[in-house]
C-alpha atoms as a PDB file:
ATOM      1  CA  MET A   1      -2.375  17.735  16.036  1.00  0.00           C
ATOM      2  CA  ALA A   2      -5.185  18.216  13.473  1.00  0.00           C
ATOM      3  CA  ALA A   3      -6.091  15.343  11.164  1.00  0.00           C
ATOM      4  CA  ALA A   4      -5.387  17.520   8.112  1.00  0.00           C
ATOM      5  CA  ALA A   5      -1.819  17.994   9.311  1.00  0.00           C
ATOM      6  CA  MET A   6      -1.371  14.317  10.138  1.00  0.00           C
ATOM      7  CA  ARG A   7      -2.390  13.023   6.702  1.00  0.00           C
ATOM      8  CA  PRO A   8       0.506  14.481   4.693  1.00  0.00           C
ATOM      9  CA  LEU A   9       2.864  13.677   7.556  1.00  0.00           C
ATOM     10  CA  LEU A  10       1.897  10.018   7.475  1.00  0.00           C
ATOM     11  CA  SER A  11       1.927   9.868   3.677  1.00  0.00           C
ATOM     12  CA  ARG A  12       5.616  10.883   3.756  1.00  0.00           C
ATOM     13  CA  LEU A  13       6.396   8.269   6.383  1.00  0.00           C
ATOM     14  CA  PHE A  14       8.596   6.133   4.176  1.00  0.00           C
ATOM     15  CA  THR A  15      10.959   8.837   2.872  1.00  0.00           C
ATOM     16  CA  SER A  16      14.406   9.184   4.436  1.00  0.00           C
ATOM     17  CA  THR A  17      13.968  12.959   4.720  1.00  0.00           C
ATOM     18  CA  HIS A  18      10.777  12.523   6.705  1.00  0.00           C
ATOM     19  CA  ILE A  19      12.326  10.012   9.082  1.00  0.00           C
ATOM     20  CA  ALA A  20      15.218  12.352   9.783  1.00  0.00           C
ATOM     21  CA  MET A  21      13.194  15.544  10.185  1.00  0.00           C
ATOM     22  CA  SER A  22       9.681  14.622  11.315  1.00  0.00           C
ATOM     23  CA  CYS A  23       8.151  15.372  14.676  1.00  0.00           C
ATOM     24  CA  PHE A  24       7.836  11.648  15.382  1.00  0.00           C
ATOM     25  CA  PRO A  25      10.287  10.229  17.903  1.00  0.00           C
ATOM     26  CA  SER A  26      13.566   9.517  16.119  1.00  0.00           C
ATOM     27  CA  SER A  27      13.977   6.304  14.140  1.00  0.00           C
ATOM     28  CA  SER A  28      16.325   5.073  16.863  1.00  0.00           C
ATOM     29  CA  SER A  29      13.577   5.191  19.459  1.00  0.00           C
ATOM     30  CA  SER A  30      11.703   2.037  20.364  1.00  0.00           C
ATOM     31  CA  PRO A  31       8.593   0.948  18.442  1.00  0.00           C
ATOM     32  CA  SER A  32       6.630   1.215  21.687  1.00  0.00           C
ATOM     33  CA  ARG A  33       7.460   4.948  21.906  1.00  0.00           C
ATOM     34  CA  ARG A  34       6.275   5.447  18.341  1.00  0.00           C
ATOM     35  CA  LEU A  35       3.099   3.510  19.155  1.00  0.00           C
ATOM     36  CA  ALA A  36       2.507   5.723  22.164  1.00  0.00           C
ATOM     37  CA  TYR A  37       3.096   8.851  20.065  1.00  0.00           C
ATOM     38  CA  LEU A  38       0.647   7.758  17.390  1.00  0.00           C
ATOM     39  CA  THR A  39      -1.886   6.826  20.039  1.00  0.00           C
ATOM     40  CA  ARG A  40      -1.730  10.268  21.682  1.00  0.00           C
ATOM     41  CA  HIS A  41      -2.053  12.236  18.475  1.00  0.00           C
ATOM     42  CA  LEU A  42      -4.352  10.172  16.284  1.00  0.00           C
ATOM     43  CA  THR A  43      -6.897   9.270  18.945  1.00  0.00           C
ATOM     44  CA  SER A  44      -7.163  12.947  19.909  1.00  0.00           C
ATOM     45  CA  SER A  45      -8.496  13.782  16.444  1.00  0.00           C
ATOM     46  CA  SER A  46     -12.260  14.068  16.079  1.00  0.00           C
ATOM     47  CA  SER A  47     -12.070  13.300  12.351  1.00  0.00           C
ATOM     48  CA  SER A  48     -13.233   9.887  11.168  1.00  0.00           C
ATOM     49  CA  GLU A  49     -11.425  10.245   7.830  1.00  0.00           C
ATOM     50  CA  LEU A  50      -8.905   7.636   6.853  1.00  0.00           C
ATOM     51  CA  THR A  51      -5.221   8.453   6.907  1.00  0.00           C
ATOM     52  CA  SER A  52      -3.259   8.470   3.680  1.00  0.00           C
ATOM     53  CA  VAL A  53      -1.110   5.536   4.780  1.00  0.00           C
ATOM     54  CA  GLY A  54      -1.969   2.213   3.244  1.00  0.00           C
ATOM     55  CA  VAL A  55      -2.985   0.734  -0.056  1.00  0.00           C
ATOM     56  CA  PRO A  56      -5.916   2.507  -1.729  1.00  0.00           C
ATOM     57  CA  ALA A  57      -8.424   0.045  -3.101  1.00  0.00           C
ATOM     58  CA  ALA A  58      -8.879   2.487  -5.975  1.00  0.00           C
ATOM     59  CA  ALA A  59      -5.469   1.389  -7.283  1.00  0.00           C
ATOM     60  CA  ALA A  60      -7.214  -1.629  -8.759  1.00  0.00           C
ATOM     61  CA  ALA A  61      -8.635   0.713 -11.392  1.00  0.00           C
ATOM     62  CA  ALA A  62      -5.311   0.228 -13.203  1.00  0.00           C
ATOM     63  CA  ILE A  63      -6.595  -3.196 -14.289  1.00  0.00           C
ATOM     64  CA  PRO A  64      -8.978  -2.723 -17.237  1.00  0.00           C
ATOM     65  CA  ALA A  65     -12.578  -3.947 -17.220  1.00  0.00           C
ATOM     66  CA  LEU A  66     -12.722  -4.968 -13.564  1.00  0.00           C
ATOM     67  CA  PRO A  67     -16.028  -4.832 -11.664  1.00  0.00           C
ATOM     68  CA  LEU A  68     -14.838  -2.596  -8.830  1.00  0.00           C
ATOM     69  CA  PRO A  69     -16.618  -1.915  -5.541  1.00  0.00           C
ATOM     70  CA  ASP A  70     -17.817   1.545  -4.594  1.00  0.00           C
ATOM     71  CA  ALA A  71     -14.554   3.227  -3.532  1.00  0.00           C
ATOM     72  CA  SER A  72     -16.373   5.212  -0.853  1.00  0.00           C
ATOM     73  CA  LYS A  73     -17.969   2.167   0.782  1.00  0.00           C
ATOM     74  CA  VAL A  74     -16.312   0.175   3.561  1.00  0.00           C
ATOM     75  CA  HIS A  75     -17.434  -3.439   3.395  1.00  0.00           C
ATOM     76  CA  ALA A  76     -15.338  -4.892   6.221  1.00  0.00           C
ATOM     77  CA  ALA A  77     -12.727  -3.986   8.833  1.00  0.00           C
ATOM     78  CA  VAL A  78     -10.009  -5.917  10.646  1.00  0.00           C
ATOM     79  CA  LEU A  79      -8.158  -5.152  13.867  1.00  0.00           C
ATOM     80  CA  VAL A  80      -4.359  -5.149  13.825  1.00  0.00           C
ATOM     81  CA  CYS A  81      -4.098  -5.479  17.602  1.00  0.00           C
ATOM     82  CA  LEU A  82      -0.601  -4.890  18.979  1.00  0.00           C
ATOM     83  CA  PHE A  83       0.965  -5.323  22.386  1.00  0.00           C
ATOM     84  CA  GLU A  84       4.512  -4.773  23.588  1.00  0.00           C
ATOM     85  CA  ASP A  85       6.798  -7.695  24.349  1.00  0.00           C
ATOM     86  CA  PRO A  86       9.598  -6.177  26.493  1.00  0.00           C
ATOM     87  CA  SER A  87      12.157  -8.551  24.995  1.00  0.00           C
ATOM     88  CA  GLY A  88      10.971  -8.591  21.397  1.00  0.00           C
ATOM     89  CA  GLY A  89       9.066  -5.445  20.472  1.00  0.00           C
ATOM     90  CA  PRO A  90       5.477  -5.203  19.235  1.00  0.00           C
ATOM     91  CA  ARG A  91       3.515  -8.388  18.630  1.00  0.00           C
ATOM     92  CA  VAL A  92       0.209  -8.792  16.821  1.00  0.00           C
ATOM     93  CA  LEU A  93      -2.789 -10.959  17.720  1.00  0.00           C
ATOM     94  CA  LEU A  94      -3.868 -13.426  15.036  1.00  0.00           C
ATOM     95  CA  THR A  95      -6.568 -16.066  14.771  1.00  0.00           C
ATOM     96  CA  LYS A  96      -7.030 -19.331  12.941  1.00  0.00           C
ATOM     97  CA  ARG A  97     -10.486 -19.494  11.473  1.00  0.00           C
ATOM     98  CA  ALA A  98     -12.711 -22.449  12.327  1.00  0.00           C
ATOM     99  CA  SER A  99     -12.510 -25.371   9.921  1.00  0.00           C
ATOM    100  CA  SER A 100     -16.310 -25.473   9.742  1.00  0.00           C
ATOM    101  CA  LEU A 101     -16.662 -22.027   8.145  1.00  0.00           C
ATOM    102  CA  SER A 102     -17.898 -21.861   4.564  1.00  0.00           C
ATOM    103  CA  SER A 103     -15.194 -19.412   3.452  1.00  0.00           C
ATOM    104  CA  HIS A 104     -11.490 -19.140   4.312  1.00  0.00           C
ATOM    105  CA  SER A 105     -11.870 -22.068   6.711  1.00  0.00           C
ATOM    106  CA  GLY A 106      -8.740 -22.937   8.675  1.00  0.00           C
ATOM    107  CA  GLU A 107      -6.862 -19.876   7.456  1.00  0.00           C
ATOM    108  CA  VAL A 108      -4.947 -17.395   9.611  1.00  0.00           C
ATOM    109  CA  ALA A 109      -6.727 -14.054   9.850  1.00  0.00           C
ATOM    110  CA  LEU A 110      -6.927 -10.812  11.763  1.00  0.00           C
ATOM    111  CA  PRO A 111      -9.999 -10.388  13.978  1.00  0.00           C
ATOM    112  CA  GLY A 112     -12.652  -8.642  11.922  1.00  0.00           C
ATOM    113  CA  GLY A 113     -15.568  -8.980   9.565  1.00  0.00           C
ATOM    114  CA  LYS A 114     -18.239  -7.236   7.573  1.00  0.00           C
ATOM    115  CA  VAL A 115     -19.716  -3.906   8.580  1.00  0.00           C
ATOM    116  CA  ASP A 116     -23.028  -4.057  10.432  1.00  0.00           C
ATOM    117  CA  GLU A 117     -25.691  -1.429   9.858  1.00  0.00           C
ATOM    118  CA  GLY A 118     -25.317  -0.168  13.430  1.00  0.00           C
ATOM    119  CA  ASP A 119     -21.536   0.331  13.262  1.00  0.00           C
ATOM    120  CA  ALA A 120     -20.510   3.984  13.454  1.00  0.00           C
ATOM    121  CA  ASP A 121     -17.313   3.501  11.450  1.00  0.00           C
ATOM    122  CA  ALA A 122     -14.543   1.037  10.595  1.00  0.00           C
ATOM    123  CA  LYS A 123     -13.114   1.303  14.110  1.00  0.00           C
ATOM    124  CA  ALA A 124     -16.449   0.253  15.594  1.00  0.00           C
ATOM    125  CA  THR A 125     -16.649  -2.703  13.202  1.00  0.00           C
ATOM    126  CA  ALA A 126     -13.136  -3.936  13.991  1.00  0.00           C
ATOM    127  CA  LEU A 127     -13.595  -3.623  17.758  1.00  0.00           C
ATOM    128  CA  ARG A 128     -17.038  -5.250  17.710  1.00  0.00           C
ATOM    129  CA  GLU A 129     -15.812  -8.175  15.637  1.00  0.00           C
ATOM    130  CA  ALA A 130     -12.758  -8.668  17.875  1.00  0.00           C
ATOM    131  CA  LYS A 131     -15.021  -8.854  20.909  1.00  0.00           C
ATOM    132  CA  GLU A 132     -17.358 -11.320  19.187  1.00  0.00           C
ATOM    133  CA  GLU A 133     -14.552 -13.536  17.878  1.00  0.00           C
ATOM    134  CA  ILE A 134     -11.970 -13.588  20.688  1.00  0.00           C
ATOM    135  CA  GLY A 135     -13.617 -11.829  23.641  1.00  0.00           C
ATOM    136  CA  LEU A 136     -11.407  -8.730  23.423  1.00  0.00           C
ATOM    137  CA  ASP A 137     -12.919  -5.911  25.483  1.00  0.00           C
ATOM    138  CA  PRO A 138     -12.875  -2.725  23.346  1.00  0.00           C
ATOM    139  CA  ALA A 139     -12.017  -0.755  26.494  1.00  0.00           C
ATOM    140  CA  LEU A 140      -8.594  -2.438  26.510  1.00  0.00           C
ATOM    141  CA  VAL A 141      -7.732  -1.203  23.013  1.00  0.00           C
ATOM    142  CA  SER A 142      -6.365   2.227  22.099  1.00  0.00           C
ATOM    143  CA  VAL A 143      -6.902   2.863  18.402  1.00  0.00           C
ATOM    144  CA  VAL A 144      -3.625   4.075  16.891  1.00  0.00           C
ATOM    145  CA  ALA A 145      -4.506   4.607  13.238  1.00  0.00           C
ATOM    146  CA  VAL A 146      -6.894   3.619  10.481  1.00  0.00           C
ATOM    147  CA  LEU A 147      -5.290   2.673   7.169  1.00  0.00           C
ATOM    148  CA  GLU A 148      -6.807   3.077   3.741  1.00  0.00           C
ATOM    149  CA  PRO A 149      -8.854   0.133   2.432  1.00  0.00           C
ATOM    150  CA  PHE A 150      -7.273  -2.976   0.974  1.00  0.00           C
ATOM    151  CA  LEU A 151      -9.116  -4.696  -1.841  1.00  0.00           C
ATOM    152  CA  SER A 152      -9.895  -8.352  -1.192  1.00  0.00           C
ATOM    153  CA  LYS A 153     -10.051 -10.998  -3.918  1.00  0.00           C
ATOM    154  CA  ASN A 154     -13.846 -10.918  -3.549  1.00  0.00           C
ATOM    155  CA  GLY A 155     -13.976  -7.214  -4.319  1.00  0.00           C
ATOM    156  CA  LEU A 156     -14.513  -6.023  -0.746  1.00  0.00           C
ATOM    157  CA  ASN A 157     -12.995  -2.835   0.669  1.00  0.00           C
ATOM    158  CA  VAL A 158     -11.328  -4.040   3.888  1.00  0.00           C
ATOM    159  CA  VAL A 159     -10.128  -1.337   6.288  1.00  0.00           C
ATOM    160  CA  PRO A 160      -7.288  -2.186   8.717  1.00  0.00           C
ATOM    161  CA  VAL A 161      -7.604  -0.573  12.151  1.00  0.00           C
ATOM    162  CA  ILE A 162      -4.381  -0.492  14.180  1.00  0.00           C
ATOM    163  CA  GLY A 163      -4.899  -0.725  17.934  1.00  0.00           C
ATOM    164  CA  MET A 164      -2.730  -1.261  20.985  1.00  0.00           C
ATOM    165  CA  ILE A 165      -3.262  -3.110  24.268  1.00  0.00           C
ATOM    166  CA  SER A 166      -1.184  -1.449  26.975  1.00  0.00           C
ATOM    167  CA  ASP A 167      -1.332  -4.476  29.296  1.00  0.00           C
ATOM    168  CA  LYS A 168      -1.623  -7.851  27.565  1.00  0.00           C
ATOM    169  CA  ALA A 169      -2.215  -9.587  30.919  1.00  0.00           C
ATOM    170  CA  LEU A 170      -5.647  -7.942  31.105  1.00  0.00           C
ATOM    171  CA  PHE A 171      -6.788  -9.733  27.957  1.00  0.00           C
ATOM    172  CA  LYS A 172      -8.406 -13.090  28.725  1.00  0.00           C
ATOM    173  CA  PRO A 173      -9.313 -14.682  25.368  1.00  0.00           C
ATOM    174  CA  ILE A 174     -12.769 -16.188  24.982  1.00  0.00           C
ATOM    175  CA  LEU A 175     -12.956 -17.833  21.560  1.00  0.00           C
ATOM    176  CA  ASN A 176     -16.169 -17.997  19.578  1.00  0.00           C
ATOM    177  CA  GLU A 177     -15.648 -21.604  18.506  1.00  0.00           C
ATOM    178  CA  ALA A 178     -18.103 -21.259  15.622  1.00  0.00           C
ATOM    179  CA  GLU A 179     -15.711 -18.766  14.023  1.00  0.00           C
ATOM    180  CA  VAL A 180     -12.291 -19.138  15.647  1.00  0.00           C
ATOM    181  CA  GLU A 181     -10.341 -22.343  16.167  1.00  0.00           C
ATOM    182  CA  ASP A 182      -7.189 -20.872  17.718  1.00  0.00           C
ATOM    183  CA  ILE A 183      -5.501 -17.627  18.734  1.00  0.00           C
ATOM    184  CA  PHE A 184      -1.802 -16.799  18.770  1.00  0.00           C
ATOM    185  CA  ASP A 185       0.540 -13.849  18.423  1.00  0.00           C
ATOM    186  CA  ALA A 186       3.537 -13.125  16.221  1.00  0.00           C
ATOM    187  CA  PRO A 187       6.267 -10.469  16.162  1.00  0.00           C
ATOM    188  CA  LEU A 188       5.162  -7.586  13.956  1.00  0.00           C
ATOM    189  CA  GLU A 189       8.682  -7.041  12.620  1.00  0.00           C
ATOM    190  CA  MET A 190       8.723 -10.458  10.941  1.00  0.00           C
ATOM    191  CA  PHE A 191       6.488  -9.019   8.212  1.00  0.00           C
ATOM    192  CA  LEU A 192       9.318  -6.711   7.133  1.00  0.00           C
ATOM    193  CA  LYS A 193      11.889  -9.509   6.905  1.00  0.00           C
ATOM    194  CA  ASP A 194      12.670 -12.073   4.249  1.00  0.00           C
ATOM    195  CA  ASP A 195      13.063 -14.843   6.843  1.00  0.00           C
ATOM    196  CA  ASN A 196      10.427 -17.576   6.626  1.00  0.00           C
ATOM    197  CA  ARG A 197       8.825 -15.789   3.675  1.00  0.00           C
ATOM    198  CA  ARG A 198       8.007 -17.307   0.321  1.00  0.00           C
ATOM    199  CA  THR A 199       6.129 -16.339  -2.799  1.00  0.00           C
ATOM    200  CA  GLU A 200       3.672 -18.562  -4.640  1.00  0.00           C
ATOM    201  CA  ASP A 201       1.492 -17.998  -7.674  1.00  0.00           C
ATOM    202  CA  VAL A 202      -2.194 -18.225  -6.811  1.00  0.00           C
ATOM    203  CA  ASN A 203      -4.922 -18.350  -9.448  1.00  0.00           C
ATOM    204  CA  PHE A 204      -7.603 -15.687  -9.115  1.00  0.00           C
ATOM    205  CA  MET A 205     -10.259 -15.377 -11.824  1.00  0.00           C
ATOM    206  CA  GLY A 206      -8.098 -17.316 -14.255  1.00  0.00           C
ATOM    207  CA  VAL A 207      -5.003 -15.175 -13.671  1.00  0.00           C
ATOM    208  CA  ASP A 208      -1.923 -16.336 -11.765  1.00  0.00           C
ATOM    209  CA  ILE A 209      -0.609 -13.655  -9.405  1.00  0.00           C
ATOM    210  CA  PRO A 210       2.303 -13.802  -6.912  1.00  0.00           C
ATOM    211  CA  VAL A 211       1.187 -13.909  -3.271  1.00  0.00           C
ATOM    212  CA  GLN A 212       3.196 -13.509  -0.047  1.00  0.00           C
ATOM    213  CA  PHE A 213       3.323 -16.396   2.448  1.00  0.00           C
ATOM    214  CA  PHE A 214       4.921 -16.212   5.917  1.00  0.00           C
ATOM    215  CA  ASP A 215       5.544 -19.450   7.822  1.00  0.00           C
ATOM    216  CA  TYR A 216       5.418 -19.174  11.601  1.00  0.00           C
ATOM    217  CA  GLU A 217       5.513 -21.599  14.518  1.00  0.00           C
ATOM    218  CA  ALA A 218       4.112 -20.921  18.007  1.00  0.00           C
ATOM    219  CA  ASP A 219       3.721 -23.364  20.899  1.00  0.00           C
ATOM    220  CA  GLY A 220       4.597 -26.259  18.622  1.00  0.00           C
ATOM    221  CA  LYS A 221       1.898 -25.313  16.088  1.00  0.00           C
ATOM    222  CA  LYS A 222       2.648 -24.270  12.531  1.00  0.00           C
ATOM    223  CA  PHE A 223       0.771 -21.392  10.923  1.00  0.00           C
ATOM    224  CA  VAL A 224       0.814 -19.916   7.428  1.00  0.00           C
ATOM    225  CA  ILE A 225       0.012 -16.207   7.151  1.00  0.00           C
ATOM    226  CA  TRP A 226      -0.660 -15.224   3.567  1.00  0.00           C
ATOM    227  CA  GLY A 227      -2.578 -13.129   1.071  1.00  0.00           C
ATOM    228  CA  LEU A 228      -4.515 -10.108   2.265  1.00  0.00           C
ATOM    229  CA  THR A 229      -3.607 -10.689   5.926  1.00  0.00           C
ATOM    230  CA  ALA A 230       0.108 -10.788   5.059  1.00  0.00           C
ATOM    231  CA  HIS A 231      -0.114  -7.610   2.959  1.00  0.00           C
ATOM    232  CA  ILE A 232      -1.957  -5.724   5.698  1.00  0.00           C
ATOM    233  CA  LEU A 233       0.593  -6.767   8.319  1.00  0.00           C
ATOM    234  CA  THR A 234       3.512  -5.743   6.103  1.00  0.00           C
ATOM    235  CA  ARG A 235       1.989  -2.283   5.653  1.00  0.00           C
ATOM    236  CA  ALA A 236       1.186  -1.940   9.367  1.00  0.00           C
ATOM    237  CA  ALA A 237       4.740  -2.969  10.266  1.00  0.00           C
ATOM    238  CA  ALA A 238       6.162  -0.406   7.825  1.00  0.00           C
ATOM    239  CA  VAL A 239       4.078   2.310   9.505  1.00  0.00           C
ATOM    240  CA  ILE A 240       5.114   1.349  13.036  1.00  0.00           C
ATOM    241  CA  PHE A 241       8.794   0.698  12.346  1.00  0.00           C
ATOM    242  CA  GLN A 242       9.091   3.559   9.819  1.00  0.00           C
ATOM    243  CA  ARG A 243      10.940   1.516   7.230  1.00  0.00           C
ATOM    244  CA  GLN A 244      10.330  -0.418   4.063  1.00  0.00           C
ATOM    245  CA  PRO A 245      10.284  -4.238   4.053  1.00  0.00           C
ATOM    246  CA  SER A 246      13.560  -5.946   3.125  1.00  0.00           C
ATOM    247  CA  PHE A 247      11.828  -7.607   0.161  1.00  0.00           C
ATOM    248  CA  ALA A 248      10.072  -6.146  -2.843  1.00  0.00           C
ATOM    249  CA  GLU A 249       6.380  -5.901  -2.048  1.00  0.00           C
ATOM    250  CA  LEU A 250       4.180  -7.662  -4.557  1.00  0.00           C
ATOM    251  CA  PRO A 251       1.418  -5.984  -6.562  1.00  0.00           C
ATOM    252  CA  ARG A 252      -1.711  -5.570  -4.475  1.00  0.00           C
ATOM    253  CA  THR A 253      -4.072  -5.075  -7.405  1.00  0.00           C
ATOM    254  CA  ILE A 254      -5.723  -8.334  -8.426  1.00  0.00           C
ATOM    255  CA  PRO A 255      -8.638  -9.384 -10.617  1.00  0.00           C
ATOM    256  CA  VAL A 256     -11.735  -9.333  -8.454  1.00  0.00           C
ATOM    257  CA  SER A 257     -15.315 -10.450  -8.651  1.00  0.00           C
ATOM    258  CA  SER A 258     -18.225  -8.208  -7.745  1.00  0.00           C
ATOM    259  CA  PRO A 259     -18.630  -7.510  -4.004  1.00  0.00           C
ATOM    260  CA  ASP A 260     -20.703  -9.955  -2.023  1.00  0.00           C
ATOM    261  CA  LYS A 261     -23.974  -8.126  -1.335  1.00  0.00           C
ATOM    262  CA  SER A 262     -25.018 -10.432   1.496  1.00  0.00           C
END
């Protein structure tokens, strides 16, 4: 299917009419079947354009007098790496950043980072960073979709790349301890549910804005997934499960500082 045909199809993903009538597998089919469908059709496209699913960073223009980044420039990319748990549906790989890092230390994040000059596109950035951070071989990952950029609080355009590992057993994590302290996985569907979710006001640039927080426990360890990572995972889950979250999504446009040029 051509990329031009896929874009309007994906942009209508959340409407009830689309779910009932689209050429996707029916909404009663398993998430793994929908993942497989997306993999077959989106990876066959030669276009590198972004799909129309996601949260356009340009939406931040609704806030007056903000120093916005170049809307056409991708500053960073993250990998939403999924695998199928036969008993629980799709799960996503997450990391806990090293406590020694100068920014976002100790926070839960998706594998990813800033674009390097040699990266061909956002997919290349996300896959390269995942290999550097957690030892994930790009050959194990089938790219499913690329979402539109999310705008970080630092004014960076961050592109989420959705990928799938067909056999999780083949992935043998090798953590870059300078960047990653821990790795774990969580059920993707939890980011559509109100369970273990809370909202807190966080001050950005002198303005208090509501931010999503998801509390999760794995192997006796407690993790908090919040902010940009939480928003990206909610959008990715909505795409895969073809339904809206059970809670009202919070505004994604926030006051930002100028992009970090380093």
